[in-house]
C-alpha atoms as a PDB file:
ATOM      1  CA  MET A   1      73.868  74.829  69.506  1.00  0.00           C
ATOM      2  CA  ALA A   2      70.803  74.664  71.737  1.00  0.00           C
ATOM      3  CA  THR A   3      67.781  72.652  70.683  1.00  0.00           C
ATOM      4  CA  LEU A   4      64.522  74.583  70.547  1.00  0.00           C
ATOM      5  CA  THR A   5      61.440  73.205  72.242  1.00  0.00           C
ATOM      6  CA  GLN A   6      58.114  72.986  70.440  1.00  0.00           C
ATOM      7  CA  LEU A   7      56.879  75.922  72.545  1.00  0.00           C
ATOM      8  CA  GLU A   8      59.876  78.063  71.541  1.00  0.00           C
ATOM      9  CA  ILE A   9      59.331  77.240  67.868  1.00  0.00           C
ATOM     10  CA  ASP A  10      55.636  78.058  68.148  1.00  0.00           C
ATOM     11  CA  ASP A  11      56.343  81.340  69.979  1.00  0.00           C
ATOM     12  CA  THR A  12      58.832  82.358  67.268  1.00  0.00           C
ATOM     13  CA  CYS A  13      56.332  81.563  64.524  1.00  0.00           C
ATOM     14  CA  LEU A  14      53.637  83.589  66.280  1.00  0.00           C
ATOM     15  CA  GLU A  15      56.026  86.550  66.633  1.00  0.00           C
ATOM     16  CA  ILE A  16      56.659  86.418  62.882  1.00  0.00           C
ATOM     17  CA  ILE A  17      52.932  86.215  62.178  1.00  0.00           C
ATOM     18  CA  HIS A  18      52.277  89.217  64.409  1.00  0.00           C
ATOM     19  CA  TYR A  19      55.023  91.206  62.646  1.00  0.00           C
ATOM     20  CA  ILE A  20      53.658  90.267  59.205  1.00  0.00           C
ATOM     21  CA  LYS A  21      50.096  91.189  60.174  1.00  0.00           C
ATOM     22  CA  LYS A  22      51.254  94.589  61.457  1.00  0.00           C
ATOM     23  CA  ASN A  23      53.811  95.513  58.783  1.00  0.00           C
ATOM     24  CA  HIS A  24      52.945  93.471  55.669  1.00  0.00           C
ATOM     25  CA  SER A  25      49.240  92.725  56.084  1.00  0.00           C
ATOM     26  CA  HIS A  26      48.774  91.671  52.447  1.00  0.00           C
ATOM     27  CA  TYR A  27      50.884  88.563  53.248  1.00  0.00           C
ATOM     28  CA  TYR A  28      49.112  87.735  56.505  1.00  0.00           C
ATOM     29  CA  PRO A  29      46.596  85.247  55.008  1.00  0.00           C
ATOM     30  CA  HIS A  30      49.396  83.360  53.249  1.00  0.00           C
ATOM     31  CA  ILE A  31      51.627  83.143  56.314  1.00  0.00           C
ATOM     32  CA  MET A  32      48.752  82.203  58.613  1.00  0.00           C
ATOM     33  CA  ILE A  33      47.615  79.343  56.338  1.00  0.00           C
ATOM     34  CA  MET A  34      51.216  78.100  56.139  1.00  0.00           C
ATOM     35  CA  TYR A  35      51.381  78.181  59.952  1.00  0.00           C
ATOM     36  CA  LEU A  36      48.019  76.483  60.523  1.00  0.00           C
ATOM     37  CA  TYR A  37      48.424  73.721  57.927  1.00  0.00           C
ATOM     38  CA  GLY A  38      52.176  73.337  57.449  1.00  0.00           C
ATOM     39  CA  CYS A  39      51.874  73.793  53.717  1.00  0.00           C
ATOM     40  CA  ARG A  40      54.602  74.964  51.376  1.00  0.00           C
ATOM     41  CA  ILE A  41      54.916  78.475  50.025  1.00  0.00           C
ATOM     42  CA  GLY A  42      54.241  77.239  46.480  1.00  0.00           C
ATOM     43  CA  GLU A  43      50.972  75.702  47.603  1.00  0.00           C
ATOM     44  CA  VAL A  44      49.845  79.003  49.101  1.00  0.00           C
ATOM     45  CA  PHE A  45      50.898  81.252  46.219  1.00  0.00           C
ATOM     46  CA  ASN A  46      49.872  78.989  43.326  1.00  0.00           C
ATOM     47  CA  ASN A  47      46.129  78.513  43.924  1.00  0.00           C
ATOM     48  CA  ARG A  48      46.500  75.064  45.462  1.00  0.00           C
ATOM     49  CA  ILE A  49      44.341  75.601  48.570  1.00  0.00           C
ATOM     50  CA  TYR A  50      40.555  75.374  48.580  1.00  0.00           C
ATOM     51  CA  PHE A  51      37.847  75.462  51.220  1.00  0.00           C
ATOM     52  CA  ASP A  52      35.226  72.744  50.765  1.00  0.00           C
ATOM     53  CA  ALA A  53      32.268  74.361  52.528  1.00  0.00           C
ATOM     54  CA  GLU A  54      30.016  71.342  52.013  1.00  0.00           C
ATOM     55  CA  ASN A  55      32.354  69.106  54.043  1.00  0.00           C
ATOM     56  CA  ASP A  56      33.942  71.882  56.133  1.00  0.00           C
ATOM     57  CA  LYS A  57      37.413  70.765  54.982  1.00  0.00           C
ATOM     58  CA  ILE A  58      40.524  72.423  53.584  1.00  0.00           C
ATOM     59  CA  ASN A  59      41.937  70.790  50.450  1.00  0.00           C
ATOM     60  CA  ILE A  60      45.590  71.352  49.588  1.00  0.00           C
ATOM     61  CA  GLU A  61      46.982  70.194  46.249  1.00  0.00           C
ATOM     62  CA  ALA A  62      50.499  69.074  47.066  1.00  0.00           C
ATOM     63  CA  GLN A  63      53.286  71.017  45.373  1.00  0.00           C
ATOM     64  CA  LYS A  64      55.151  67.741  44.895  1.00  0.00           C
ATOM     65  CA  GLY A  65      52.261  66.315  42.867  1.00  0.00           C
ATOM     66  CA  ASN A  66      51.120  63.831  45.516  1.00  0.00           C
ATOM     67  CA  ASN A  67      47.499  63.275  46.471  1.00  0.00           C
ATOM     68  CA  ILE A  68      45.334  66.135  47.685  1.00  0.00           C
ATOM     69  CA  ARG A  69      45.626  66.593  51.444  1.00  0.00           C
ATOM     70  CA  VAL A  70      42.231  66.982  53.129  1.00  0.00           C
ATOM     71  CA  ASN A  71      42.340  68.766  56.473  1.00  0.00           C
ATOM     72  CA  PRO A  72      39.729  69.818  58.999  1.00  0.00           C
ATOM     73  CA  ARG A  73      39.070  73.531  59.379  1.00  0.00           C
ATOM     74  CA  VAL A  74      41.045  74.496  62.486  1.00  0.00           C
ATOM     75  CA  SER A  75      39.754  78.049  62.848  1.00  0.00           C
ATOM     76  CA  SER A  76      36.688  80.032  61.874  1.00  0.00           C
ATOM     77  CA  GLU A  77      39.106  82.485  60.228  1.00  0.00           C
ATOM     78  CA  VAL A  78      40.330  79.933  57.635  1.00  0.00           C
ATOM     79  CA  PRO A  79      37.647  80.412  54.924  1.00  0.00           C
ATOM     80  CA  TYR A  80      38.234  84.183  55.077  1.00  0.00           C
ATOM     81  CA  LEU A  81      42.010  83.687  54.806  1.00  0.00           C
ATOM     82  CA  ILE A  82      41.621  81.428  51.779  1.00  0.00           C
ATOM     83  CA  GLU A  83      39.250  83.925  50.158  1.00  0.00           C
ATOM     84  CA  ARG A  84      41.810  86.711  50.699  1.00  0.00           C
ATOM     85  CA  ILE A  85      44.545  84.543  49.185  1.00  0.00           C
ATOM     86  CA  ASN A  86      42.438  83.773  46.115  1.00  0.00           C
ATOM     87  CA  LEU A  87      41.512  87.438  45.648  1.00  0.00           C
ATOM     88  CA  THR A  88      45.141  88.577  45.726  1.00  0.00           C
ATOM     89  CA  GLN A  89      46.815  85.813  43.686  1.00  0.00           C
ATOM     90  CA  GLU A  90      47.171  87.863  40.524  1.00  0.00           C
ATOM     91  CA  ASN A  91      48.848  90.702  42.425  1.00  0.00           C
ATOM     92  CA  PHE A  92      51.922  88.626  43.285  1.00  0.00           C
END
């Protein structure tokens, strides 16, 4: 079995994101946040991600119950994505 390079992994992830955005757009914010921050699906779908506008940071409550992970905002799109996730939580 061939080993994938980081570029090949990233390209595959971006292909999936593009497909999701085009065909299942309601999941796009969730998948994009998972891609950008490496968080778990349970963290995305269980209201565990918050944007701290005062400090311009993303807070993720770990699914495993560990400490809150504080991350820098890596894209101007992130607050919008988190807002979309929070607005759709009850629909899933």
